[in-house]
N, C-alpha and C. Protein backbone atom coordinates (compact mmCIF):
# COMPACT_ATOMS: atom_id res chain seq x y z
N UNK A 1 11.76 10.97 -6.37
CA UNK A 1 11.42 10.07 -5.62
C UNK A 1 12.14 9.00 -4.61
N UNK A 2 13.06 8.88 -5.00
CA UNK A 2 13.96 8.35 -4.17
C UNK A 2 14.72 8.79 -2.93
N UNK A 3 14.64 10.21 -2.83
CA UNK A 3 14.69 11.21 -1.99
C UNK A 3 13.70 11.51 -1.02
N UNK A 4 12.94 10.46 -0.70
CA UNK A 4 11.66 10.77 0.09
C UNK A 4 11.82 11.29 1.49
N UNK A 5 12.75 11.27 1.74
CA UNK A 5 13.44 10.94 3.27
C UNK A 5 13.44 12.13 3.42
N UNK A 6 13.96 13.13 2.78
CA UNK A 6 14.08 14.76 3.04
C UNK A 6 13.23 15.40 2.63
N UNK A 7 12.50 14.70 1.59
CA UNK A 7 10.84 15.27 1.33
C UNK A 7 9.72 15.19 2.29
N UNK A 8 9.93 14.08 2.76
CA UNK A 8 8.42 13.98 3.47
C UNK A 8 8.85 14.46 5.02
N UNK A 9 10.11 14.15 5.51
CA UNK A 9 10.25 14.55 7.17
C UNK A 9 9.39 14.61 7.72
N UNK A 10 8.82 13.46 8.38
CA UNK A 10 7.87 13.37 9.81
C UNK A 10 8.45 13.52 10.78
N UNK A 11 9.61 13.42 10.91
CA UNK A 11 10.08 13.91 12.15
C UNK A 11 9.56 15.15 12.92
N UNK A 12 9.42 16.22 11.85
CA UNK A 12 9.19 17.14 12.30
C UNK A 12 8.42 17.80 13.20
N UNK A 13 7.47 16.32 13.01
CA UNK A 13 6.37 16.14 13.89
C UNK A 13 6.82 15.50 15.48
N UNK A 14 6.41 15.80 16.68
CA UNK A 14 7.25 15.73 18.02
C UNK A 14 5.92 14.23 18.06
N UNK A 15 6.19 13.71 19.49
CA UNK A 15 5.54 12.75 19.82
C UNK A 15 3.86 13.42 20.09
N UNK A 16 3.77 14.64 20.94
CA UNK A 16 2.24 14.79 20.96
C UNK A 16 1.59 14.98 19.88
N UNK A 17 2.56 15.44 18.99
CA UNK A 17 1.93 15.98 17.57
C UNK A 17 1.13 14.66 16.65
N UNK A 18 2.64 13.85 16.70
CA UNK A 18 1.87 12.33 16.10
C UNK A 18 0.63 11.85 16.51
N UNK A 19 0.58 11.39 18.11
CA UNK A 19 -0.67 11.12 18.59
C UNK A 19 -1.54 11.72 18.08
N UNK A 20 -1.84 12.97 17.94
CA UNK A 20 -2.82 13.89 17.94
C UNK A 20 -3.11 13.63 16.52
N UNK A 21 -2.21 13.68 15.77
CA UNK A 21 -2.52 13.10 14.35
C UNK A 21 -3.37 11.73 14.05
N UNK A 22 -2.53 11.18 14.91
CA UNK A 22 -2.98 9.55 14.30
C UNK A 22 -4.55 9.40 15.11
N UNK A 23 -4.94 10.09 16.17
CA UNK A 23 -6.07 9.94 16.53
C UNK A 23 -7.15 10.68 15.89
N UNK A 24 -6.98 11.88 15.15
CA UNK A 24 -7.66 12.69 13.91
C UNK A 24 -7.65 11.84 12.55
N UNK A 25 -6.48 11.11 12.51
CA UNK A 25 -6.92 10.24 11.24
C UNK A 25 -7.85 8.86 11.55
N UNK A 26 -7.80 8.49 12.62
CA UNK A 26 -8.75 7.62 12.75
C UNK A 26 -10.31 7.94 12.90
N UNK A 27 -10.23 8.87 13.20
CA UNK A 27 -12.02 9.54 12.97
C UNK A 27 -11.63 10.24 11.99
N UNK A 28 -11.44 10.65 11.00
CA UNK A 28 -11.48 11.10 9.70
C UNK A 28 -11.79 9.80 9.04
N UNK A 29 -11.27 8.94 9.12
CA UNK A 29 -11.23 7.13 8.56
C UNK A 29 -12.82 7.02 8.25
N UNK A 30 -13.06 7.21 10.06
CA UNK A 30 -14.16 6.64 10.15
C UNK A 30 -15.56 7.26 10.13
N UNK A 31 -15.67 8.62 9.56
CA UNK A 31 -16.25 9.85 9.54
C UNK A 31 -16.71 9.31 7.63
N UNK A 32 -15.61 9.50 7.14
CA UNK A 32 -15.24 9.46 5.97
C UNK A 32 -16.29 7.64 5.31
N UNK A 33 -15.78 6.77 6.29
CA UNK A 33 -16.21 5.31 6.10
C UNK A 33 -18.08 5.16 6.05
N UNK A 34 -18.01 5.72 7.15
CA UNK A 34 -19.72 5.58 7.58
C UNK A 34 -20.75 6.57 7.26
N UNK A 35 -20.03 7.38 6.87
CA UNK A 35 -20.83 8.56 6.52
C UNK A 35 -20.39 9.31 5.00
N UNK A 36 -19.11 9.52 4.88
CA UNK A 36 -19.14 10.36 3.64
C UNK A 36 -19.04 9.07 2.23
N UNK A 37 -18.90 8.00 2.21
CA UNK A 37 -18.69 6.98 0.96
C UNK A 37 -20.48 6.73 1.09
N UNK A 38 -20.74 6.21 1.77
CA UNK A 38 -22.51 6.32 1.48
C UNK A 38 -23.18 7.37 1.15
N UNK A 39 -23.13 8.56 1.40
CA UNK A 39 -23.31 9.70 0.68
C UNK A 39 -22.69 10.22 -0.29
N UNK A 40 -21.70 9.77 -0.56
CA UNK A 40 -21.15 9.83 -2.09
C UNK A 40 -22.20 8.81 -3.16
N UNK A 41 -21.83 7.76 -2.87
CA UNK A 41 -23.26 6.74 -3.15
C UNK A 41 -24.26 6.93 -3.78
N UNK A 42 -25.09 7.95 -2.76
CA UNK A 42 -26.52 8.19 -3.25
C UNK A 42 -26.62 9.13 -4.03
N UNK A 43 -25.80 10.12 -3.54
CA UNK A 43 -25.23 11.65 -4.79
C UNK A 43 -25.40 10.88 -6.14
N UNK A 44 -24.30 9.96 -6.18
CA UNK A 44 -24.50 9.48 -7.36
C UNK A 44 -25.20 8.27 -7.97
N UNK A 45 -26.33 8.16 -7.51
CA UNK A 45 -27.02 7.42 -7.97
C UNK A 45 -28.20 8.35 -8.41
N UNK A 46 -28.45 9.62 -7.47
CA UNK A 46 -29.80 10.36 -7.70
C UNK A 46 -29.16 12.08 -8.53
N UNK A 47 -28.28 12.00 -8.90
CA UNK A 47 -27.62 13.13 -9.47
C UNK A 47 -28.35 13.19 -10.90
N UNK A 48 -29.20 14.58 -11.36
CA UNK A 48 -29.77 14.45 -12.53
C UNK A 48 -28.83 13.98 -13.77
N UNK A 49 -27.45 14.93 -13.15
CA UNK A 49 -26.53 15.07 -14.10
C UNK A 49 -26.12 13.80 -14.70
N UNK A 50 -26.05 13.10 -13.65
CA UNK A 50 -25.66 11.64 -14.06
C UNK A 50 -26.98 10.80 -15.02
N UNK A 51 -28.13 11.01 -14.71
CA UNK A 51 -28.97 10.28 -15.36
C UNK A 51 -29.88 10.17 -14.31
N UNK A 52 -29.96 10.34 -12.55
CA UNK A 52 -30.73 10.18 -11.80
C UNK A 52 -31.45 8.65 -12.09
N UNK A 53 -30.69 7.72 -12.26
CA UNK A 53 -30.88 6.37 -12.49
C UNK A 53 -32.25 5.72 -11.23
N UNK A 54 -31.90 6.65 -10.31
CA UNK A 54 -32.71 5.92 -9.23
C UNK A 54 -34.06 6.24 -9.58
N UNK A 55 -34.58 7.11 -10.26
CA UNK A 55 -36.00 7.72 -9.96
C UNK A 55 -36.24 7.78 -11.97
N UNK A 56 -35.34 7.49 -12.57
CA UNK A 56 -35.36 7.10 -14.52
C UNK A 56 -34.79 6.01 -14.61
N UNK A 57 -35.10 5.28 -15.19
CA UNK A 57 -34.12 4.12 -15.69
C UNK A 57 -33.42 4.46 -17.27
N UNK A 58 -32.51 4.82 -17.61
CA UNK A 58 -32.04 5.03 -18.89
C UNK A 58 -32.34 3.67 -19.38
N UNK A 59 -32.69 4.21 -20.94
CA UNK A 59 -32.75 3.11 -21.90
C UNK A 59 -31.36 2.61 -22.44
N UNK A 60 -31.04 1.46 -23.29
CA UNK A 60 -30.41 0.92 -23.48
C UNK A 60 -29.59 1.59 -24.73
N UNK A 61 -28.28 2.22 -24.49
CA UNK A 61 -27.56 2.70 -24.90
C UNK A 61 -27.54 4.33 -24.65
N UNK A 62 -28.06 4.52 -23.63
CA UNK A 62 -28.28 5.65 -22.93
C UNK A 62 -27.01 6.43 -22.53
N UNK A 63 -26.34 7.69 -22.72
CA UNK A 63 -25.25 7.60 -21.97
C UNK A 63 -25.15 7.88 -20.69
N UNK A 64 -26.20 8.20 -20.03
CA UNK A 64 -26.09 7.97 -18.77
C UNK A 64 -25.67 7.08 -17.75
N UNK A 65 -25.80 5.90 -18.71
CA UNK A 65 -24.74 4.67 -18.12
C UNK A 65 -22.97 4.91 -18.06
N UNK A 66 -22.85 5.44 -19.06
CA UNK A 66 -21.63 6.08 -19.06
C UNK A 66 -21.47 7.11 -18.31
N UNK A 67 -22.05 7.80 -18.11
CA UNK A 67 -22.17 9.11 -17.11
C UNK A 67 -21.68 8.54 -15.52
N UNK A 68 -22.54 7.50 -15.75
CA UNK A 68 -22.80 7.14 -14.07
C UNK A 68 -21.53 6.06 -13.53
N UNK A 69 -21.32 5.47 -14.71
CA UNK A 69 -19.94 4.57 -14.68
C UNK A 69 -18.41 5.37 -14.35
N UNK A 70 -18.21 6.41 -15.36
CA UNK A 70 -17.33 6.99 -15.02
C UNK A 70 -17.36 7.92 -14.32
N UNK A 71 -18.28 8.38 -13.34
CA UNK A 71 -18.41 9.24 -12.38
C UNK A 71 -18.07 8.23 -11.18
N UNK A 72 -18.45 7.60 -11.22
CA UNK A 72 -18.62 6.27 -9.78
C UNK A 72 -16.55 6.31 -10.01
N UNK A 73 -15.99 5.65 -11.08
CA UNK A 73 -14.49 5.36 -11.19
C UNK A 73 -13.67 6.46 -11.04
N UNK A 74 -14.01 7.46 -11.41
CA UNK A 74 -13.26 8.94 -10.95
C UNK A 74 -12.99 9.04 -9.28
N UNK A 75 -14.60 9.12 -9.01
CA UNK A 75 -14.76 9.60 -7.69
C UNK A 75 -14.28 8.70 -6.56
N UNK A 76 -13.91 7.37 -6.96
CA UNK A 76 -13.14 6.05 -6.40
C UNK A 76 -11.21 6.28 -6.12
N UNK A 77 -10.98 7.09 -7.08
CA UNK A 77 -9.92 7.91 -7.25
C UNK A 77 -9.78 9.02 -6.88
N UNK A 78 -10.57 9.76 -6.59
CA UNK A 78 -10.40 11.29 -6.50
C UNK A 78 -9.29 11.55 -5.28
N UNK A 79 -9.07 11.21 -4.42
CA UNK A 79 -8.26 11.77 -3.04
C UNK A 79 -7.52 10.88 -3.70
N UNK A 80 -6.81 9.83 -4.61
CA UNK A 80 -5.25 9.50 -5.01
C UNK A 80 -4.83 10.66 -6.05
N UNK A 81 -5.92 10.58 -6.73
CA UNK A 81 -5.15 11.74 -7.69
C UNK A 81 -5.32 13.12 -7.47
N UNK A 82 -5.84 13.64 -6.46
CA UNK A 82 -5.10 15.31 -5.81
C UNK A 82 -4.02 15.05 -4.79
N UNK A 83 -3.91 13.57 -4.50
CA UNK A 83 -2.52 13.80 -3.73
C UNK A 83 -1.36 13.56 -4.77
N UNK A 84 -1.58 12.98 -5.60
CA UNK A 84 -0.53 12.69 -6.66
C UNK A 84 -0.35 14.10 -7.35
N UNK A 85 -1.42 14.46 -7.58
CA UNK A 85 -1.39 15.69 -8.31
C UNK A 85 -0.62 16.91 -7.77
N UNK A 86 -1.02 17.08 -6.39
CA UNK A 86 -0.16 18.51 -5.65
C UNK A 86 1.13 17.68 -5.47
N UNK A 87 1.61 16.50 -5.22
CA UNK A 87 2.66 15.99 -4.97
C UNK A 87 3.59 16.35 -6.31
N UNK A 88 3.47 16.03 -7.64
CA UNK A 88 4.15 16.36 -8.44
C UNK A 88 3.96 17.87 -8.82
N UNK A 89 2.84 18.45 -8.81
CA UNK A 89 2.79 20.01 -9.09
C UNK A 89 4.17 21.33 -8.22
N UNK A 90 4.23 20.27 -6.96
CA UNK A 90 4.95 20.96 -5.70
C UNK A 90 6.54 20.39 -6.18
N UNK A 91 6.90 19.11 -6.75
CA UNK A 91 7.78 18.86 -7.41
C UNK A 91 8.47 19.75 -8.32
N UNK A 92 7.38 19.60 -9.12
CA UNK A 92 7.99 20.65 -10.54
C UNK A 92 8.29 21.72 -10.23
N UNK A 93 7.66 22.66 -9.11
CA UNK A 93 7.90 23.86 -8.84
C UNK A 93 8.97 24.30 -7.97
N UNK A 94 9.66 23.39 -7.09
CA UNK A 94 10.44 23.31 -6.32
C UNK A 94 11.56 22.50 -6.42
N UNK A 95 11.33 21.33 -7.46
CA UNK A 95 12.56 20.41 -7.83
C UNK A 95 12.37 19.30 -6.35
N UNK A 96 12.28 18.07 -6.68
CA UNK A 96 12.36 16.79 -6.30
C UNK A 96 13.65 17.24 -4.94
N UNK A 97 13.55 16.30 -3.94
CA UNK A 97 14.42 16.43 -3.09
C UNK A 97 14.13 17.46 -1.76
N UNK A 98 13.65 18.60 -2.17
CA UNK A 98 13.48 19.45 -0.86
C UNK A 98 12.59 18.96 0.53
N UNK A 99 12.36 19.77 1.30
CA UNK A 99 11.38 19.64 2.07
C UNK A 99 10.31 20.05 2.06
N UNK A 100 9.24 19.22 2.15
CA UNK A 100 7.93 19.48 1.69
C UNK A 100 7.21 20.68 2.79
N UNK A 101 6.43 21.36 2.49
CA UNK A 101 5.96 22.34 3.42
C UNK A 101 5.07 21.52 4.25
N UNK A 102 4.83 21.55 5.58
CA UNK A 102 3.92 21.36 6.21
C UNK A 102 2.22 21.01 6.06
N UNK A 103 1.97 22.25 5.69
CA UNK A 103 0.37 22.16 5.50
C UNK A 103 0.49 21.24 4.17
N UNK A 104 1.24 21.51 3.00
CA UNK A 104 1.38 20.00 2.03
C UNK A 104 1.09 18.93 2.56
N UNK A 105 2.47 18.58 3.56
CA UNK A 105 2.55 17.31 3.67
C UNK A 105 0.94 16.69 4.71
N UNK A 106 0.47 17.72 5.53
CA UNK A 106 -1.09 17.42 6.02
C UNK A 106 -2.32 16.97 5.00
N UNK A 107 -1.98 17.94 4.49
CA UNK A 107 -3.00 17.77 3.07
C UNK A 107 -2.83 16.26 2.18
N UNK A 108 -2.06 15.96 1.79
CA UNK A 108 -1.66 15.12 1.48
C UNK A 108 -2.17 13.73 2.53
N UNK A 109 -1.44 14.00 3.42
CA UNK A 109 -1.96 12.72 4.95
C UNK A 109 -3.02 12.52 4.98
N UNK A 110 -4.23 13.79 4.97
CA UNK A 110 -5.54 13.81 5.09
C UNK A 110 -6.14 12.93 3.32
N UNK A 111 -5.71 13.44 2.38
CA UNK A 111 -6.13 12.19 1.33
C UNK A 111 -6.04 11.22 1.46
N UNK A 112 -4.61 10.62 1.88
CA UNK A 112 -4.49 9.42 1.86
C UNK A 112 -5.17 8.32 2.67
N UNK A 113 -5.81 9.46 4.05
CA UNK A 113 -6.26 8.70 4.93
C UNK A 113 -8.11 8.08 4.47
N UNK A 114 -8.45 9.41 3.50
CA UNK A 114 -9.71 9.68 2.85
C UNK A 114 -9.70 8.38 1.68
N UNK A 115 -8.79 8.10 0.98
CA UNK A 115 -8.42 7.28 0.38
C UNK A 115 -8.52 5.63 0.86
N UNK A 116 -7.79 5.56 1.77
CA UNK A 116 -8.11 4.38 2.00
C UNK A 116 -9.37 4.00 2.77
N UNK A 117 -10.08 4.90 2.89
CA UNK A 117 -11.48 4.78 3.72
C UNK A 117 -12.50 4.43 2.22
N UNK A 118 -12.14 4.88 1.02
CA UNK A 118 -12.81 4.55 0.26
C UNK A 118 -12.65 2.85 -0.43
N UNK A 119 -11.19 2.88 -0.18
CA UNK A 119 -10.96 1.29 -0.73
C UNK A 119 -11.82 0.67 0.20
N UNK A 120 -11.42 0.73 1.42
CA UNK A 120 -12.29 -0.24 2.55
C UNK A 120 -13.60 0.22 2.44
N UNK A 121 -14.71 0.54 1.91
CA UNK A 121 -15.90 0.82 1.90
C UNK A 121 -16.15 -0.83 0.90
N UNK A 122 -15.28 -0.91 0.17
CA UNK A 122 -15.40 -1.93 -1.26
C UNK A 122 -15.16 -3.35 -0.54
N UNK A 123 -14.14 -3.14 -0.02
CA UNK A 123 -13.56 -4.39 0.60
C UNK A 123 -14.35 -5.34 1.55
N UNK A 124 -15.12 -5.11 2.39
CA UNK A 124 -16.20 -5.88 2.88
C UNK A 124 -15.82 -6.36 4.19
N UNK A 125 -16.13 -6.79 4.65
CA UNK A 125 -16.00 -7.93 5.79
C UNK A 125 -15.59 -9.35 5.67
N UNK A 126 -14.50 -9.83 5.97
CA UNK A 126 -14.10 -11.06 5.76
C UNK A 126 -15.25 -11.88 6.21
N UNK A 127 -15.83 -11.88 7.35
CA UNK A 127 -16.44 -12.73 8.41
C UNK A 127 -17.83 -12.83 7.65
N UNK A 128 -17.96 -12.03 7.09
CA UNK A 128 -19.67 -11.91 6.35
C UNK A 128 -20.14 -11.83 4.89
N UNK A 129 -18.96 -11.60 4.50
CA UNK A 129 -18.85 -11.90 2.89
C UNK A 129 -19.87 -10.34 2.61
N UNK A 130 -19.53 -9.48 3.27
CA UNK A 130 -20.20 -8.04 2.97
C UNK A 130 -19.11 -6.83 2.37
N UNK A 131 -19.30 -7.10 1.08
CA UNK A 131 -18.53 -6.89 0.29
C UNK A 131 -19.06 -5.58 -0.26
N UNK A 132 -18.66 -5.00 -1.44
CA UNK A 132 -19.59 -3.42 -1.99
C UNK A 132 -20.58 -3.65 -2.28
N UNK A 133 -21.05 -5.15 -3.17
CA UNK A 133 -22.47 -5.29 -3.69
C UNK A 133 -23.33 -4.98 -2.46
N UNK A 134 -23.12 -5.55 -1.08
CA UNK A 134 -23.85 -5.71 -0.25
C UNK A 134 -24.33 -4.45 0.54
N UNK A 135 -22.87 -3.52 0.38
CA UNK A 135 -22.67 -2.30 0.99
C UNK A 135 -23.69 -1.39 0.47
N UNK A 136 -24.11 -1.52 -1.02
CA UNK A 136 -24.59 -0.22 -1.59
C UNK A 136 -26.14 -0.73 -1.34
N UNK A 137 -26.45 -1.51 -0.69
CA UNK A 137 -28.10 -1.94 -0.36
C UNK A 137 -28.33 -0.97 0.98
N UNK A 138 -27.97 -0.89 1.88
CA UNK A 138 -27.97 -0.57 3.28
C UNK A 138 -28.01 1.05 2.87
N UNK A 139 -27.22 1.37 2.12
CA UNK A 139 -27.22 2.95 1.61
C UNK A 139 -27.99 3.40 0.83
N UNK A 140 -29.09 2.86 0.32
CA UNK A 140 -30.11 3.08 -0.23
C UNK A 140 -29.98 3.40 -1.69
N UNK A 141 -29.14 2.58 -2.45
CA UNK A 141 -28.94 2.67 -3.94
C UNK A 141 -29.72 2.06 -4.72
N UNK A 142 -30.49 2.51 -5.72
CA UNK A 142 -31.52 1.79 -6.61
C UNK A 142 -30.65 0.49 -7.49
N UNK A 143 -32.15 -0.31 -7.64
CA UNK A 143 -31.40 -1.24 -8.48
C UNK A 143 -30.79 -1.13 -9.54
N UNK A 144 -31.09 0.00 -10.47
CA UNK A 144 -30.22 0.28 -11.85
C UNK A 144 -28.83 0.71 -11.41
N UNK A 145 -28.75 1.45 -10.40
CA UNK A 145 -27.80 2.02 -10.02
C UNK A 145 -26.58 1.39 -9.66
N UNK A 146 -27.38 0.25 -8.78
CA UNK A 146 -26.28 -0.79 -7.71
C UNK A 146 -25.04 -1.01 -9.04
N UNK A 147 -25.56 -1.96 -9.83
CA UNK A 147 -24.27 -2.53 -11.01
C UNK A 147 -23.30 -1.49 -11.24
N UNK A 148 -23.84 -0.53 -11.64
CA UNK A 148 -22.98 0.41 -12.32
C UNK A 148 -22.29 1.21 -11.58
N UNK A 149 -22.65 1.34 -10.56
CA UNK A 149 -21.67 2.44 -9.32
C UNK A 149 -20.56 0.90 -8.62
N UNK A 150 -20.88 -0.28 -8.53
CA UNK A 150 -20.19 -0.88 -8.31
C UNK A 150 -18.87 -1.45 -8.82
N UNK A 151 -19.46 -1.55 -10.30
CA UNK A 151 -18.28 -1.61 -11.23
C UNK A 151 -17.72 -0.35 -11.72
N UNK A 152 -17.64 1.06 -11.52
CA UNK A 152 -16.79 1.75 -11.83
C UNK A 152 -16.19 2.38 -10.38
N UNK A 153 -16.55 1.67 -9.14
CA UNK A 153 -15.73 1.36 -7.75
C UNK A 153 -14.65 0.81 -8.02
N UNK A 154 -14.99 -0.57 -8.36
CA UNK A 154 -14.11 -1.64 -8.44
C UNK A 154 -12.88 -1.36 -9.18
N UNK A 155 -13.17 -1.10 -10.37
CA UNK A 155 -12.37 -0.60 -11.77
C UNK A 155 -11.33 0.58 -11.18
N UNK A 156 -12.05 1.30 -10.12
CA UNK A 156 -11.13 1.69 -9.60
C UNK A 156 -10.03 1.55 -8.70
N UNK A 157 -10.16 0.13 -8.17
CA UNK A 157 -9.04 -0.31 -7.61
C UNK A 157 -8.09 -0.34 -8.52
N UNK A 158 -8.07 -1.02 -9.57
CA UNK A 158 -7.09 -1.58 -10.98
C UNK A 158 -6.55 -0.51 -10.89
N UNK A 159 -7.05 0.51 -11.22
CA UNK A 159 -6.46 1.71 -11.57
C UNK A 159 -5.69 1.89 -10.55
N UNK A 160 -6.19 1.84 -9.31
CA UNK A 160 -4.75 2.52 -7.92
C UNK A 160 -3.51 1.63 -8.22
N UNK A 161 -4.03 0.05 -8.62
CA UNK A 161 -2.91 -0.75 -8.38
C UNK A 161 -1.97 -0.94 -9.77
N UNK A 162 -2.52 -0.23 -10.85
CA UNK A 162 -1.88 0.30 -11.57
C UNK A 162 -0.92 1.44 -11.67
N UNK A 163 -1.59 2.35 -11.07
CA UNK A 163 -0.81 3.71 -10.51
C UNK A 163 0.35 3.49 -9.42
N UNK A 164 0.09 2.61 -8.47
CA UNK A 164 1.01 1.61 -7.54
C UNK A 164 2.40 1.04 -8.28
N UNK A 165 1.86 0.36 -9.50
CA UNK A 165 2.90 -0.19 -10.26
C UNK A 165 3.39 1.17 -10.89
N UNK A 166 3.19 1.81 -11.40
CA UNK A 166 4.01 2.97 -12.17
C UNK A 166 4.45 3.73 -11.10
N UNK A 167 4.43 3.86 -9.95
CA UNK A 167 5.31 4.50 -8.79
C UNK A 167 6.48 3.57 -8.80
N UNK A 168 6.35 2.49 -8.82
CA UNK A 168 7.36 1.57 -8.56
C UNK A 168 8.03 1.31 -9.53
N UNK A 169 7.95 1.50 -10.67
CA UNK A 169 8.46 1.40 -12.00
C UNK A 169 9.42 2.71 -12.22
N UNK A 170 8.91 3.49 -12.01
CA UNK A 170 9.60 5.16 -11.96
C UNK A 170 10.46 5.26 -10.94
N UNK A 171 10.17 4.84 -9.52
CA UNK A 171 11.18 4.81 -8.66
C UNK A 171 12.52 3.80 -9.10
N UNK A 172 12.48 2.72 -9.99
CA UNK A 172 13.79 2.33 -9.97
C UNK A 172 14.63 3.24 -11.56
N UNK A 173 14.20 4.27 -12.19
CA UNK A 173 14.64 5.28 -13.38
C UNK A 173 15.89 6.04 -12.46
N UNK A 174 16.88 6.00 -13.17
CA UNK A 174 18.10 6.73 -12.33
C UNK A 174 17.72 8.23 -12.88
N UNK A 175 17.20 8.92 -14.09
CA UNK A 175 16.86 9.78 -14.36
C UNK A 175 15.55 9.95 -14.62
N UNK A 176 15.27 11.30 -13.68
CA UNK A 176 13.85 11.73 -13.99
C UNK A 176 12.52 11.14 -13.74
N UNK A 177 12.65 10.28 -12.29
CA UNK A 177 11.56 9.72 -11.90
C UNK A 177 10.41 10.42 -11.78
N UNK A 178 10.14 11.25 -11.48
CA UNK A 178 9.16 12.04 -11.72
C UNK A 178 8.21 12.00 -12.76
N UNK A 179 8.92 12.36 -13.79
CA UNK A 179 8.43 12.63 -14.98
C UNK A 179 8.14 11.15 -15.58
N UNK A 180 8.69 9.95 -15.15
CA UNK A 180 8.53 8.68 -15.61
C UNK A 180 7.11 8.71 -15.06
N UNK A 181 6.79 9.06 -13.71
CA UNK A 181 5.56 8.14 -12.97
C UNK A 181 4.73 9.33 -13.69
N UNK A 182 4.91 10.63 -13.82
CA UNK A 182 3.69 11.53 -14.54
C UNK A 182 2.97 10.90 -15.49
N UNK A 183 4.18 10.61 -16.42
CA UNK A 183 4.03 9.93 -17.67
C UNK A 183 3.13 8.57 -17.23
N UNK A 184 3.38 7.95 -17.01
CA UNK A 184 2.87 6.50 -16.60
C UNK A 184 1.49 6.58 -16.16
N UNK A 185 1.18 7.78 -15.32
CA UNK A 185 -0.25 8.06 -14.71
C UNK A 185 -1.48 7.65 -15.87
N UNK A 186 -0.94 8.53 -16.58
CA UNK A 186 -2.51 8.66 -17.86
C UNK A 186 -2.48 7.15 -18.00
N UNK A 187 -1.60 6.27 -18.86
CA UNK A 187 -2.03 5.12 -19.07
C UNK A 187 -2.87 4.33 -18.07
N UNK A 188 -2.23 4.49 -17.03
CA UNK A 188 -2.69 3.50 -15.63
C UNK A 188 -4.06 4.08 -15.35
N UNK A 189 -4.56 5.38 -15.40
CA UNK A 189 -5.95 5.85 -15.17
C UNK A 189 -6.75 5.63 -16.30
N UNK A 190 -6.09 6.04 -17.82
CA UNK A 190 -6.99 5.62 -18.62
C UNK A 190 -7.84 4.00 -18.98
N UNK A 191 -6.34 3.51 -19.02
CA UNK A 191 -6.83 2.19 -19.40
C UNK A 191 -8.16 1.26 -19.26
N UNK A 192 -7.67 1.10 -17.42
CA UNK A 192 -8.48 0.52 -16.79
C UNK A 192 -10.11 0.95 -16.99
N UNK A 193 -10.69 2.09 -16.84
CA UNK A 193 -11.59 2.61 -17.16
C UNK A 193 -12.23 2.21 -18.44
N UNK A 194 -11.08 2.13 -19.68
CA UNK A 194 -11.86 1.79 -20.85
C UNK A 194 -12.06 0.22 -21.05
N UNK A 195 -10.91 -0.77 -20.80
CA UNK A 195 -11.14 -1.57 -20.57
C UNK A 195 -11.89 -2.56 -19.89
N UNK A 196 -12.01 -2.42 -18.88
CA UNK A 196 -13.10 -2.96 -17.95
C UNK A 196 -14.18 -2.41 -17.61
N UNK A 197 -14.76 -1.88 -18.77
CA UNK A 197 -15.82 -0.98 -18.54
C UNK A 197 -17.47 -1.87 -18.80
N UNK A 198 -17.38 -2.95 -19.49
CA UNK A 198 -18.27 -3.82 -19.42
C UNK A 198 -18.93 -3.24 -21.13
N UNK A 199 -20.58 -3.23 -20.21
CA UNK A 199 -20.90 -2.82 -21.36
C UNK A 199 -22.05 -1.27 -21.11
N UNK A 200 -21.26 -0.50 -19.69
CA UNK A 200 -21.31 0.75 -19.69
C UNK A 200 -21.09 1.72 -19.98
N UNK A 201 -20.28 1.75 -20.93
CA UNK A 201 -19.84 2.72 -21.87
C UNK A 201 -20.32 2.66 -23.64
N UNK A 202 -20.57 3.81 -23.94
CA UNK A 202 -21.67 3.50 -25.20
C UNK A 202 -21.16 3.57 -26.79
N UNK A 203 -20.29 2.47 -26.30
CA UNK A 203 -19.82 2.15 -27.69
C UNK A 203 -19.05 0.63 -27.71
N UNK A 204 -19.17 -0.17 -28.46
CA UNK A 204 -18.80 -1.35 -28.41
C UNK A 204 -17.40 -1.61 -27.63
């Protein structure tokens, strides 16, 4: 992790390519924020596999609440998990400090942009207070799915913060920082989901 400069090597892109990448990143960010995230929320609310809470209200103790909460939580983290997983798999295969392939670098960049859009979707507008709770209503999310999706999405933010803390701590290790990071990611992902679930998981 300390050898990130030769690994990432963004200097491989010329000035023209950087401008194109910046423009495409902005476009991708807006599409995901304005179209992709609301569509994902609607799918979570209506998916039969998750209980279809928009059309059939689960009874108390029904595992559908836990499935929907977990799906919202995992969805909010998926781009970050995919990016980190791809990076760690590459380091295992090629070893740290090697120059990352351009295709992998671009793919990780795309995932980072998507994750930023996922975070921004719940950040809200400071001038209006339009946070995630209010953003779910225009997306057509049902009353019953509203609180569960909101909880899962926000708990995902806690996991992102824990993951960032894990990365910072691992970067201070003199030996095997990537192994430290991979090991710390497991509790960073599982503990927020478990400890901050409220009443949405089917056990006390």
